[in-house]
Amino acid sequence: MAMNIPKSGYNRFMKEGAQHFKGTDEAVLRNIDACVELASQLRSAYGPNGMNKMVINHIEKLFVTNDAATILKELDIQHPAAKIIIMA
């Protein structure tokens, strides 16, 4: 008779495909990577030679702007550290 053994730890509470990182070093590196990626997406919109960005928000509305505040307001960010930067 085969017994069904439940998963142990955090894995049984997470959705399939979710990742769990151990240690603060790993979490800090992931947070830094998310913030650097957000900054790299906005870098070309700054300054006198700032380029326009096309943003399609969650209700399928198209925005063409080079204003970083508008870009950040219309993006749907999932990462917690990047969300904190947007709210600041």
N, C-alpha and C. Protein backbone atom coordinates (compact mmCIF):
# COMPACT_ATOMS: atom_id res chain seq x y z
N MET A 1 0.83 -1.17 0.00
CA MET A 1 0.00 0.00 0.00
C MET A 1 0.88 1.24 0.00
N ALA A 2 0.62 2.13 -0.94
CA ALA A 2 1.40 3.36 -1.01
C ALA A 2 0.76 4.42 -0.12
N MET A 3 1.61 5.10 0.60
CA MET A 3 1.12 6.17 1.47
C MET A 3 1.41 7.52 0.81
N ASN A 4 0.50 8.42 0.97
CA ASN A 4 0.69 9.76 0.45
C ASN A 4 1.38 10.60 1.52
N ILE A 5 2.62 10.95 1.29
CA ILE A 5 3.40 11.72 2.25
C ILE A 5 3.37 13.18 1.81
N PRO A 6 2.86 14.08 2.66
CA PRO A 6 2.78 15.50 2.26
C PRO A 6 4.17 16.13 2.19
N LYS A 7 4.26 17.19 1.38
CA LYS A 7 5.51 17.94 1.29
C LYS A 7 5.82 18.58 2.63
N SER A 8 7.08 18.78 2.88
CA SER A 8 7.46 19.38 4.16
C SER A 8 7.84 20.84 3.96
N GLY A 9 7.78 21.59 5.03
CA GLY A 9 8.23 22.98 5.01
C GLY A 9 7.30 23.90 4.25
N TYR A 10 7.90 24.96 3.69
CA TYR A 10 7.13 25.99 3.00
C TYR A 10 6.52 25.49 1.68
N ASN A 11 7.11 24.48 1.08
CA ASN A 11 6.69 24.06 -0.24
C ASN A 11 5.23 23.66 -0.31
N ARG A 12 4.68 23.12 0.74
CA ARG A 12 3.28 22.70 0.68
C ARG A 12 2.33 23.90 0.73
N PHE A 13 2.79 25.06 1.17
CA PHE A 13 1.95 26.26 1.21
C PHE A 13 2.06 27.11 -0.04
N MET A 14 3.06 26.86 -0.86
CA MET A 14 3.32 27.69 -2.04
C MET A 14 2.68 27.08 -3.28
N LYS A 15 2.43 27.94 -4.26
CA LYS A 15 1.92 27.47 -5.53
C LYS A 15 3.00 26.66 -6.23
N GLU A 16 2.56 25.82 -7.14
CA GLU A 16 3.52 25.02 -7.89
C GLU A 16 4.37 25.94 -8.76
N GLY A 17 5.66 25.74 -8.75
CA GLY A 17 6.58 26.57 -9.50
C GLY A 17 7.15 27.73 -8.70
N ALA A 18 6.65 27.96 -7.49
CA ALA A 18 7.16 29.04 -6.65
C ALA A 18 8.54 28.67 -6.12
N GLN A 19 9.34 29.67 -5.84
CA GLN A 19 10.69 29.43 -5.33
C GLN A 19 10.81 29.97 -3.91
N HIS A 20 11.58 29.28 -3.11
CA HIS A 20 11.85 29.71 -1.74
C HIS A 20 13.36 29.84 -1.59
N PHE A 21 13.81 31.00 -1.13
CA PHE A 21 15.23 31.24 -0.95
C PHE A 21 15.54 31.28 0.53
N LYS A 22 16.64 30.65 0.89
CA LYS A 22 17.05 30.63 2.28
C LYS A 22 18.13 31.67 2.51
N GLY A 23 18.10 32.28 3.66
CA GLY A 23 19.15 33.22 4.04
C GLY A 23 18.86 34.63 3.57
N THR A 24 19.35 35.56 4.34
CA THR A 24 19.13 36.96 4.00
C THR A 24 19.98 37.41 2.82
N ASP A 25 21.14 36.80 2.63
CA ASP A 25 22.00 37.20 1.52
C ASP A 25 21.30 36.98 0.19
N GLU A 26 20.66 35.83 0.03
CA GLU A 26 19.95 35.52 -1.21
C GLU A 26 18.80 36.50 -1.43
N ALA A 27 18.05 36.79 -0.38
CA ALA A 27 16.92 37.72 -0.50
C ALA A 27 17.39 39.13 -0.84
N VAL A 28 18.46 39.57 -0.22
CA VAL A 28 18.99 40.90 -0.50
C VAL A 28 19.46 41.00 -1.95
N LEU A 29 20.12 39.97 -2.44
CA LEU A 29 20.58 39.97 -3.83
C LEU A 29 19.41 40.02 -4.80
N ARG A 30 18.35 39.29 -4.52
CA ARG A 30 17.15 39.32 -5.37
C ARG A 30 16.51 40.71 -5.36
N ASN A 31 16.46 41.34 -4.19
CA ASN A 31 15.89 42.68 -4.09
C ASN A 31 16.71 43.70 -4.87
N ILE A 32 18.03 43.60 -4.76
CA ILE A 32 18.92 44.51 -5.49
C ILE A 32 18.75 44.31 -6.99
N ASP A 33 18.68 43.07 -7.44
CA ASP A 33 18.50 42.79 -8.87
C ASP A 33 17.20 43.40 -9.40
N ALA A 34 16.12 43.28 -8.63
CA ALA A 34 14.83 43.83 -9.06
C ALA A 34 14.90 45.35 -9.16
N CYS A 35 15.55 45.99 -8.20
CA CYS A 35 15.66 47.46 -8.21
C CYS A 35 16.56 47.95 -9.34
N VAL A 36 17.63 47.24 -9.61
CA VAL A 36 18.53 47.60 -10.71
C VAL A 36 17.80 47.46 -12.05
N GLU A 37 17.01 46.40 -12.19
CA GLU A 37 16.25 46.20 -13.43
C GLU A 37 15.22 47.31 -13.63
N LEU A 38 14.55 47.71 -12.57
CA LEU A 38 13.58 48.81 -12.67
C LEU A 38 14.29 50.10 -13.08
N ALA A 39 15.43 50.38 -12.49
CA ALA A 39 16.19 51.59 -12.83
C ALA A 39 16.67 51.56 -14.28
N SER A 40 17.08 50.39 -14.76
CA SER A 40 17.56 50.31 -16.14
C SER A 40 16.43 50.53 -17.15
N GLN A 41 15.21 50.15 -16.78
CA GLN A 41 14.07 50.39 -17.67
C GLN A 41 13.74 51.87 -17.78
N LEU A 42 13.96 52.63 -16.71
CA LEU A 42 13.62 54.05 -16.69
C LEU A 42 14.77 54.96 -17.09
N ARG A 43 15.97 54.44 -17.15
CA ARG A 43 17.16 55.27 -17.37
C ARG A 43 17.06 56.10 -18.65
N SER A 44 16.54 55.52 -19.71
CA SER A 44 16.50 56.24 -20.99
C SER A 44 15.39 57.29 -21.06
N ALA A 45 14.54 57.38 -20.04
CA ALA A 45 13.48 58.40 -20.02
C ALA A 45 13.92 59.68 -19.32
N TYR A 46 15.08 59.67 -18.67
CA TYR A 46 15.55 60.83 -17.91
C TYR A 46 16.37 61.78 -18.78
N GLY A 47 16.44 63.02 -18.33
CA GLY A 47 17.34 64.00 -18.93
C GLY A 47 16.75 64.71 -20.13
N PRO A 48 17.53 65.64 -20.68
CA PRO A 48 17.04 66.43 -21.82
C PRO A 48 16.88 65.60 -23.09
N ASN A 49 17.59 64.51 -23.19
CA ASN A 49 17.47 63.63 -24.35
C ASN A 49 16.62 62.40 -24.04
N GLY A 50 15.75 62.52 -23.04
CA GLY A 50 14.93 61.38 -22.63
C GLY A 50 14.02 60.91 -23.74
N MET A 51 13.99 59.60 -23.93
CA MET A 51 13.17 59.02 -24.99
C MET A 51 11.78 58.68 -24.45
N ASN A 52 10.81 58.70 -25.34
CA ASN A 52 9.45 58.34 -24.98
C ASN A 52 9.33 56.84 -24.78
N LYS A 53 8.44 56.46 -23.90
CA LYS A 53 8.15 55.04 -23.65
C LYS A 53 6.67 54.80 -23.93
N MET A 54 6.38 53.66 -24.50
CA MET A 54 4.98 53.25 -24.69
C MET A 54 4.64 52.28 -23.58
N VAL A 55 3.61 52.62 -22.80
CA VAL A 55 3.19 51.79 -21.67
C VAL A 55 1.73 51.42 -21.88
N ILE A 56 1.42 50.13 -21.79
CA ILE A 56 0.04 49.67 -21.83
C ILE A 56 -0.30 49.20 -20.43
N ASN A 57 -1.28 49.86 -19.80
CA ASN A 57 -1.59 49.54 -18.41
C ASN A 57 -2.54 48.35 -18.30
N HIS A 58 -3.02 48.10 -17.09
CA HIS A 58 -3.83 46.91 -16.83
C HIS A 58 -5.21 46.96 -17.48
N ILE A 59 -5.67 48.12 -17.92
CA ILE A 59 -6.96 48.20 -18.61
C ILE A 59 -6.78 48.42 -20.10
N GLU A 60 -5.60 48.05 -20.61
CA GLU A 60 -5.27 48.09 -22.04
C GLU A 60 -5.22 49.51 -22.62
N LYS A 61 -4.99 50.50 -21.77
CA LYS A 61 -4.87 51.88 -22.25
C LYS A 61 -3.40 52.17 -22.57
N LEU A 62 -3.16 52.79 -23.71
CA LEU A 62 -1.81 53.07 -24.18
C LEU A 62 -1.39 54.48 -23.76
N PHE A 63 -0.18 54.59 -23.18
CA PHE A 63 0.41 55.86 -22.81
C PHE A 63 1.74 55.99 -23.54
N VAL A 64 2.00 57.16 -24.10
CA VAL A 64 3.31 57.48 -24.67
C VAL A 64 3.82 58.67 -23.88
N THR A 65 4.89 58.44 -23.11
CA THR A 65 5.38 59.49 -22.22
C THR A 65 6.88 59.30 -21.97
N ASN A 66 7.53 60.38 -21.55
CA ASN A 66 8.90 60.28 -21.08
C ASN A 66 8.99 60.72 -19.63
N ASP A 67 7.84 60.87 -18.99
CA ASP A 67 7.77 61.23 -17.58
C ASP A 67 7.89 59.96 -16.73
N ALA A 68 8.94 59.87 -15.95
CA ALA A 68 9.19 58.65 -15.16
C ALA A 68 8.09 58.40 -14.14
N ALA A 69 7.52 59.46 -13.57
CA ALA A 69 6.45 59.28 -12.59
C ALA A 69 5.21 58.64 -13.23
N THR A 70 4.88 59.05 -14.44
CA THR A 70 3.74 58.46 -15.14
C THR A 70 4.02 57.01 -15.50
N ILE A 71 5.23 56.74 -15.93
CA ILE A 71 5.60 55.37 -16.27
C ILE A 71 5.46 54.47 -15.05
N LEU A 72 6.00 54.90 -13.93
CA LEU A 72 5.93 54.10 -12.71
C LEU A 72 4.50 53.92 -12.22
N LYS A 73 3.69 54.97 -12.35
CA LYS A 73 2.31 54.90 -11.89
C LYS A 73 1.50 53.89 -12.70
N GLU A 74 1.79 53.76 -13.98
CA GLU A 74 1.01 52.89 -14.85
C GLU A 74 1.51 51.45 -14.90
N LEU A 75 2.72 51.20 -14.43
CA LEU A 75 3.24 49.83 -14.44
C LEU A 75 2.60 48.99 -13.34
N ASP A 76 2.45 47.70 -13.61
CA ASP A 76 1.95 46.76 -12.62
C ASP A 76 3.14 45.93 -12.14
N ILE A 77 3.77 46.35 -11.07
CA ILE A 77 4.98 45.72 -10.55
C ILE A 77 4.60 44.64 -9.54
N GLN A 78 5.23 43.47 -9.63
CA GLN A 78 4.94 42.36 -8.74
C GLN A 78 5.95 42.22 -7.61
N HIS A 79 7.19 42.61 -7.84
CA HIS A 79 8.25 42.39 -6.85
C HIS A 79 8.08 43.37 -5.68
N PRO A 80 8.13 42.89 -4.43
CA PRO A 80 7.91 43.76 -3.27
C PRO A 80 8.92 44.91 -3.13
N ALA A 81 10.19 44.66 -3.39
CA ALA A 81 11.19 45.72 -3.25
C ALA A 81 11.00 46.80 -4.31
N ALA A 82 10.66 46.40 -5.52
CA ALA A 82 10.41 47.36 -6.59
C ALA A 82 9.14 48.17 -6.30
N LYS A 83 8.15 47.54 -5.69
CA LYS A 83 6.93 48.26 -5.31
C LYS A 83 7.23 49.35 -4.28
N ILE A 84 8.12 49.06 -3.35
CA ILE A 84 8.48 50.04 -2.33
C ILE A 84 9.15 51.25 -2.98
N ILE A 85 9.99 51.03 -3.97
CA ILE A 85 10.64 52.13 -4.68
C ILE A 85 9.59 52.98 -5.39
N ILE A 86 8.61 52.36 -5.99
CA ILE A 86 7.57 53.10 -6.70
C ILE A 86 6.74 53.92 -5.73
N MET A 87 6.45 53.39 -4.56
CA MET A 87 5.63 54.11 -3.59
C MET A 87 6.39 55.25 -2.92
N ALA A 88 7.72 55.23 -2.98
CA ALA A 88 8.53 56.27 -2.31
C ALA A 88 8.44 57.59 -3.03
